[in-house]
Structures are given as structure tokens and as C-alpha cells.
Protein backbone atom coordinates (compact mmCIF):
# COMPACT_ATOMS: atom_id res chain seq x y z
CA UNK A 1 -116.87 -50.65 -19.23
CA UNK A 2 -120.25 -52.33 -18.91
CA UNK A 3 -120.53 -52.51 -22.69
CA UNK A 4 -117.04 -54.00 -22.98
CA UNK A 5 -117.93 -56.63 -20.39
CA UNK A 6 -121.12 -57.59 -22.24
CA UNK A 7 -119.30 -57.77 -25.57
CA UNK A 8 -116.44 -59.82 -24.14
CA UNK A 9 -118.87 -62.28 -22.59
CA UNK A 10 -120.85 -62.57 -25.82
CA UNK A 11 -117.86 -63.14 -28.09
CA UNK A 12 -115.96 -65.36 -25.68
CA UNK A 13 -119.00 -67.51 -24.96
CA UNK A 14 -119.85 -67.90 -28.63
CA UNK A 15 -116.27 -68.66 -29.61
CA UNK A 16 -116.05 -71.25 -26.86
CA UNK A 17 -119.28 -72.86 -27.98
CA UNK A 18 -117.90 -73.11 -31.52
CA UNK A 19 -114.61 -74.57 -30.23
CA UNK A 20 -112.71 -71.62 -31.64
CA UNK A 21 -109.25 -70.99 -30.24
CA UNK A 22 -108.50 -67.30 -30.72
CA UNK A 23 -104.83 -67.44 -29.80
CA UNK A 24 -103.69 -65.72 -32.97
CA UNK A 25 -105.19 -62.60 -34.42
CA UNK A 26 -104.85 -61.42 -37.99
CA UNK A 27 -103.74 -57.79 -37.91
CA UNK A 28 -104.03 -57.31 -41.65
CA UNK A 29 -107.63 -56.08 -41.50
CA UNK A 30 -106.87 -53.61 -38.71
CA UNK A 31 -103.21 -52.59 -39.03
CA UNK A 32 -103.49 -50.18 -36.09
CA UNK A 33 -104.58 -52.85 -33.62
CA UNK A 34 -102.22 -54.38 -31.13
CA UNK A 35 -101.89 -58.14 -31.12
CA UNK A 36 -102.40 -59.76 -27.71
CA UNK A 37 -102.13 -63.41 -26.78
CA UNK A 38 -105.58 -64.79 -25.97
CA UNK A 39 -106.42 -68.44 -25.53
CA UNK A 40 -109.66 -70.30 -25.06
CA UNK A 41 -108.59 -70.89 -21.45
CA UNK A 42 -108.07 -67.20 -20.67
CA UNK A 43 -110.55 -66.22 -17.92
CA UNK A 44 -113.20 -63.83 -19.19
CA UNK A 45 -112.64 -61.56 -16.20
CA UNK A 46 -108.99 -61.12 -17.19
CA UNK A 47 -109.88 -60.37 -20.80
CA UNK A 48 -112.53 -57.87 -19.70
CA UNK A 49 -110.16 -56.17 -17.27
CA UNK A 50 -107.57 -55.83 -20.04
CA UNK A 51 -109.97 -54.09 -22.41
CA UNK A 52 -111.51 -51.97 -19.67
CA UNK A 53 -108.01 -50.79 -18.72
CA UNK A 54 -107.47 -49.77 -22.35
CA UNK A 55 -110.59 -47.60 -22.25
CA UNK A 56 -109.47 -45.99 -18.99
CA UNK A 57 -106.01 -45.31 -20.42
CA UNK A 58 -107.52 -43.58 -23.44
CA UNK A 59 -109.60 -41.35 -21.18
CA UNK A 60 -106.67 -40.54 -18.88
CA UNK A 61 -104.54 -39.38 -21.80
CA UNK A 62 -107.27 -37.05 -23.00
CA UNK A 63 -108.05 -39.06 -26.14
CA UNK A 64 -111.80 -39.28 -26.79
CA UNK A 65 -113.17 -42.84 -26.95
CA UNK A 66 -115.09 -41.97 -30.13
CA UNK A 67 -116.15 -38.97 -32.22
CA UNK A 68 -118.61 -36.71 -30.44
CA UNK A 69 -121.40 -37.74 -32.79
CA UNK A 70 -121.96 -41.22 -34.15
CA UNK A 71 -125.11 -42.41 -35.90
CA UNK A 72 -127.54 -44.40 -33.79
CA UNK A 73 -128.43 -47.99 -34.58
CA UNK A 74 -131.69 -47.90 -36.55
CA UNK A 75 -134.88 -48.99 -34.79
CA UNK A 76 -135.60 -51.49 -37.57
CA UNK A 77 -133.23 -53.44 -39.77
CA UNK A 78 -132.83 -52.29 -43.38
CA UNK A 79 -134.13 -54.67 -46.01
CA UNK A 80 -131.20 -54.16 -48.37
CA UNK A 81 -127.48 -53.63 -47.86
CA UNK A 82 -126.07 -50.16 -48.59
CA UNK A 83 -124.52 -49.54 -51.98
CA UNK A 84 -121.81 -50.17 -52.92
CA UNK A 85 -121.81 -53.38 -50.93
CA UNK A 86 -118.35 -54.69 -50.00
CA UNK A 87 -117.47 -58.13 -51.32
CA UNK A 88 -116.00 -60.94 -49.20
CA UNK A 89 -112.91 -62.70 -50.55
CA UNK A 90 -112.34 -59.96 -53.11
CA UNK A 91 -108.57 -60.11 -52.66
CA UNK A 92 -108.00 -63.59 -51.30
CA UNK A 93 -108.86 -66.17 -53.95
CA UNK A 94 -105.45 -67.32 -55.08
CA UNK A 95 -104.06 -69.32 -57.97
CA UNK A 96 -102.22 -71.43 -55.40
CA UNK A 97 -105.52 -73.12 -54.53
CA UNK A 98 -106.52 -76.41 -56.07
CA UNK A 99 -108.90 -76.23 -59.01
CA UNK A 100 -111.64 -77.75 -56.85
CA UNK A 101 -111.26 -75.14 -54.10
CA UNK A 102 -110.94 -72.28 -56.56
CA UNK A 103 -114.14 -73.40 -58.28
CA UNK A 104 -116.02 -73.81 -54.98
CA UNK A 105 -115.06 -70.38 -53.62
CA UNK A 106 -115.72 -68.65 -56.94
CA UNK A 107 -119.20 -70.17 -57.06
CA UNK A 108 -119.77 -69.42 -53.39
CA UNK A 109 -119.18 -65.67 -53.67
CA UNK A 110 -121.73 -65.48 -56.48
CA UNK A 111 -124.32 -67.52 -54.55
CA UNK A 112 -127.44 -65.40 -53.95
CA UNK A 113 -127.91 -66.62 -50.36
CA UNK A 114 -124.25 -65.97 -49.54
CA UNK A 115 -124.47 -62.44 -50.90
CA UNK A 116 -127.82 -61.66 -49.28
CA UNK A 117 -126.63 -62.84 -45.85
CA UNK A 118 -123.51 -60.64 -46.15
CA UNK A 119 -120.94 -62.38 -43.91
CA UNK A 120 -119.30 -59.73 -41.74
CA UNK A 121 -116.97 -62.47 -40.50
CA UNK A 122 -115.43 -62.61 -43.97
CA UNK A 123 -115.55 -58.87 -44.55
CA UNK A 124 -113.34 -58.35 -41.50
CA UNK A 125 -110.42 -60.34 -42.87
CA UNK A 126 -110.81 -61.01 -46.56
CA UNK A 127 -112.40 -57.91 -48.09
CA UNK A 128 -110.35 -55.11 -49.58
CA UNK A 129 -113.54 -53.25 -50.49
CA UNK A 130 -114.68 -53.28 -46.86
CA UNK A 131 -111.26 -52.13 -45.69
CA UNK A 132 -111.49 -49.22 -48.13
CA UNK A 133 -114.89 -48.20 -46.75
CA UNK A 134 -113.56 -48.44 -43.19
CA UNK A 135 -110.54 -46.29 -43.99
CA UNK A 136 -112.73 -43.74 -45.78
CA UNK A 137 -114.99 -43.48 -42.74
CA UNK A 138 -112.07 -42.99 -40.39
CA UNK A 139 -110.55 -40.35 -42.66
CA UNK A 140 -113.77 -38.38 -43.14
CA UNK A 141 -115.35 -38.95 -39.75
CA UNK A 142 -118.58 -39.92 -41.51
CA UNK A 143 -119.80 -43.29 -40.25
CA UNK A 144 -123.28 -43.31 -41.78
CA UNK A 145 -122.40 -45.89 -44.42
CA UNK A 146 -120.78 -48.24 -41.89
CA UNK A 147 -123.77 -47.81 -39.60
CA UNK A 148 -126.10 -48.96 -42.39
CA UNK A 149 -123.78 -51.82 -43.27
CA UNK A 150 -123.67 -53.07 -39.67
CA UNK A 151 -127.44 -52.72 -39.35
CA UNK A 152 -127.97 -54.94 -42.37
CA UNK A 153 -125.18 -57.45 -41.71
CA UNK A 154 -126.35 -58.06 -38.14
CA UNK A 155 -129.92 -58.70 -39.24
CA UNK A 156 -129.76 -59.69 -42.92
CA UNK A 157 -132.41 -60.74 -45.38
CA UNK A 158 -134.25 -63.05 -45.62
CA UNK A 159 -133.79 -63.62 -41.86
CA UNK A 160 -130.94 -64.14 -39.43
CA UNK A 161 -131.79 -67.73 -38.53
CA UNK A 162 -131.97 -68.79 -42.17
CA UNK A 163 -128.59 -67.18 -42.81
CA UNK A 164 -127.04 -68.86 -39.76
CA UNK A 165 -128.23 -72.23 -41.05
CA UNK A 166 -127.03 -71.57 -44.58
CA UNK A 167 -123.53 -70.65 -43.39
CA UNK A 168 -123.38 -73.69 -41.12
CA UNK A 169 -123.98 -75.74 -44.27
CA UNK A 170 -121.37 -73.76 -46.23
CA UNK A 171 -118.88 -74.39 -43.41
CA UNK A 172 -119.42 -78.13 -43.70
CA UNK A 173 -119.33 -78.14 -47.49
CA UNK A 174 -116.02 -76.28 -47.70
CA UNK A 175 -114.30 -79.14 -45.84
CA UNK A 176 -115.30 -81.73 -48.43
CA UNK A 177 -112.41 -83.05 -50.50
CA UNK A 178 -114.34 -82.22 -53.66
CA UNK A 179 -114.26 -78.58 -52.55
CA UNK A 180 -111.44 -77.25 -50.32
CA UNK A 181 -110.69 -80.32 -48.19
CA UNK A 182 -107.26 -80.96 -49.68
CA UNK A 183 -106.35 -77.27 -49.41
CA UNK A 184 -107.32 -77.24 -45.75
CA UNK A 185 -105.22 -80.34 -45.17
CA UNK A 186 -102.24 -78.54 -46.72
CA UNK A 187 -102.90 -75.48 -44.54
CA UNK A 188 -103.57 -73.11 -47.42
CA UNK A 189 -104.20 -69.69 -45.85
CA UNK A 190 -107.06 -68.68 -48.16
CA UNK A 191 -108.91 -71.92 -47.55
CA UNK A 192 -108.41 -71.59 -43.80
CA UNK A 193 -109.65 -68.00 -43.79
CA UNK A 194 -112.69 -69.01 -45.77
CA UNK A 195 -113.48 -71.85 -43.40
CA UNK A 196 -113.08 -69.66 -40.32
CA UNK A 197 -115.29 -66.96 -41.80
CA UNK A 198 -118.00 -69.43 -42.77
CA UNK A 199 -117.88 -71.25 -39.43
CA UNK A 200 -118.04 -68.06 -37.38
CA UNK A 201 -120.72 -66.30 -39.36
CA UNK A 202 -123.32 -66.42 -36.58
CA UNK A 203 -120.86 -65.45 -33.83
CA UNK A 204 -119.64 -62.33 -35.62
CA UNK A 205 -123.13 -61.42 -36.89
CA UNK A 206 -124.36 -61.40 -33.29
CA UNK A 207 -121.34 -59.55 -31.90
CA UNK A 208 -121.34 -56.79 -34.51
CA UNK A 209 -125.01 -56.06 -33.77
CA UNK A 210 -124.45 -55.25 -30.08
CA UNK A 211 -125.58 -51.74 -29.17
CA UNK A 212 -124.22 -49.52 -26.41
CA UNK A 213 -127.31 -48.86 -24.24
CA UNK A 214 -125.84 -45.56 -23.04
CA UNK A 215 -125.30 -44.06 -26.50
CA UNK A 216 -127.57 -46.03 -28.81
CA UNK A 217 -124.68 -46.64 -31.22
CA UNK A 218 -123.19 -49.96 -32.26
CA UNK A 219 -120.32 -51.02 -30.00
CA UNK A 220 -118.27 -52.05 -33.03
CA UNK A 221 -118.75 -48.64 -34.64
CA UNK A 222 -117.61 -46.91 -31.45
CA UNK A 223 -114.53 -49.16 -31.33
CA UNK A 224 -113.38 -48.50 -34.89
CA UNK A 225 -114.20 -44.78 -34.62
CA UNK A 226 -112.16 -44.36 -31.46
CA UNK A 227 -108.84 -42.53 -31.50
CA UNK A 228 -107.44 -45.68 -29.91
CA UNK A 229 -109.47 -48.54 -31.41
CA UNK A 230 -107.71 -51.29 -29.42
CA UNK A 231 -111.03 -52.84 -28.42
CA UNK A 232 -111.99 -53.43 -32.06
CA UNK A 233 -109.99 -56.64 -32.03
CA UNK A 234 -112.70 -58.18 -29.81
CA UNK A 235 -114.57 -58.79 -33.05
CA UNK A 236 -111.55 -60.69 -34.33
CA UNK A 237 -111.65 -63.25 -31.51
CA UNK A 238 -113.89 -65.77 -33.29
CA UNK A 239 -111.53 -65.61 -36.27
CA UNK A 240 -108.65 -67.30 -34.40
CA UNK A 241 -107.08 -70.48 -35.77
CA UNK A 242 -109.38 -73.50 -35.74
């Protein structure tokens, strides 16, 4: 429960600071997760109690919170992402976008800084290749690949601060009318997902790197590996509608 409290505080505080309103959660990336109504005004204590109760319920029904053995978070961050590396926006760029937005996003996902910084915020909701890796891990019970992916994505090359700054600039650029501004004005889902993912890069990067001090494993990895991964949607909070 202590880990859940820390994670809730971290994500809720970061989302609040970014003026994110996580009152709607996309269930497409995690079809097994329950959707709950959460607003920016929801007291953190209430959110924490809700998720803590979920963990207690899982224990009381005899369902283990996670596999008996999960890889530990590495003591030092890897210098390269594991191969094959999942690709953000690999299923979401649509012909319904304007030519300007299509061109911007196509160029963005081939940008060397974008690729090196590996936005987990976009992998969560817009990457079919990541979803495949997640499903494979859950089916096989082998989470080594995901462990390496989280280790890199939470502390990417060249450095976290440089990546945070780069994505803050991407988040501003995507709103320009010469890029995806008109698509955002029309409420195009792909453009909105892209903007949310770019804007919340730092929040999700920080949250996914949290480690359970009792087990030494990533909290996110424990959540998705659980027989009842309800708490995994904590990492979706910063991806609410903006």
C-alpha cells in the first residue's frame, strides 16, 4: 500500500502541475482494466484508498499481486533500448488528418531525438508493437524485456532532462496551425492523443521509473504482471483529456 500511495501522489501531483484532467481513461491499451471516474479535484487520499482496497481485495481472494519472481530494476540505466524497440504512433496516424498534421507526425516519429528519448507516454496508448510485447510478457510470464524497456524509457539517452525539454518543445510545436493546430481544433483523436503523449512525456517517464522499495522491481511492472492489474491504470492518469 505504501508503494501505491507514493505512486498516486507522484502521478496526481505531476498531472495537476501540468493542468491535466484525467477524468476519462482510454481502455484500448489495457482492455482488462476497469474504467473509473477520476477528476483533478478528486482528493488524493480517496484515490489512494481506492487502489489500496483493490490490492487488499486481490489478496483476500487468494490471487497473487504479481508473479513470484519479477526482474529487479537495474542498478544503472541501459544506454540503449532493447531490441526490437516498440514504435509510438505505429497504428494511429490516419488519413483523416490534414496534410500538415500527417507530415508533422510522420517526420516526428523518424526524428532521432524523439526515438532516442522513447516516449512511454505514447507507447501506452498509441503503440501496437508495445501492446504486442506486453501481451507476450503476460502470456509467457517472462518480463525481462519489459524490465529493460522500462529501465531505458525512464532514464533515456542522452539524458532525462534533455528529453524532457525536447518533448516540451514538441508539445508546443504540435499545436501550431502549420502542424496539427487545425486538427486539434477539430478534435481529431489522433492529434489529441499525440498532443497528450508529448505533453505528458516527463510525467509518465517519472512515474514508470518508480521502484517498489520492498521488492526492488518497478511498480509498473508489478501492476501489469498482477493477476488483477487494476492499479496499472494509475499510469494512464496523465493521459486524460486536456
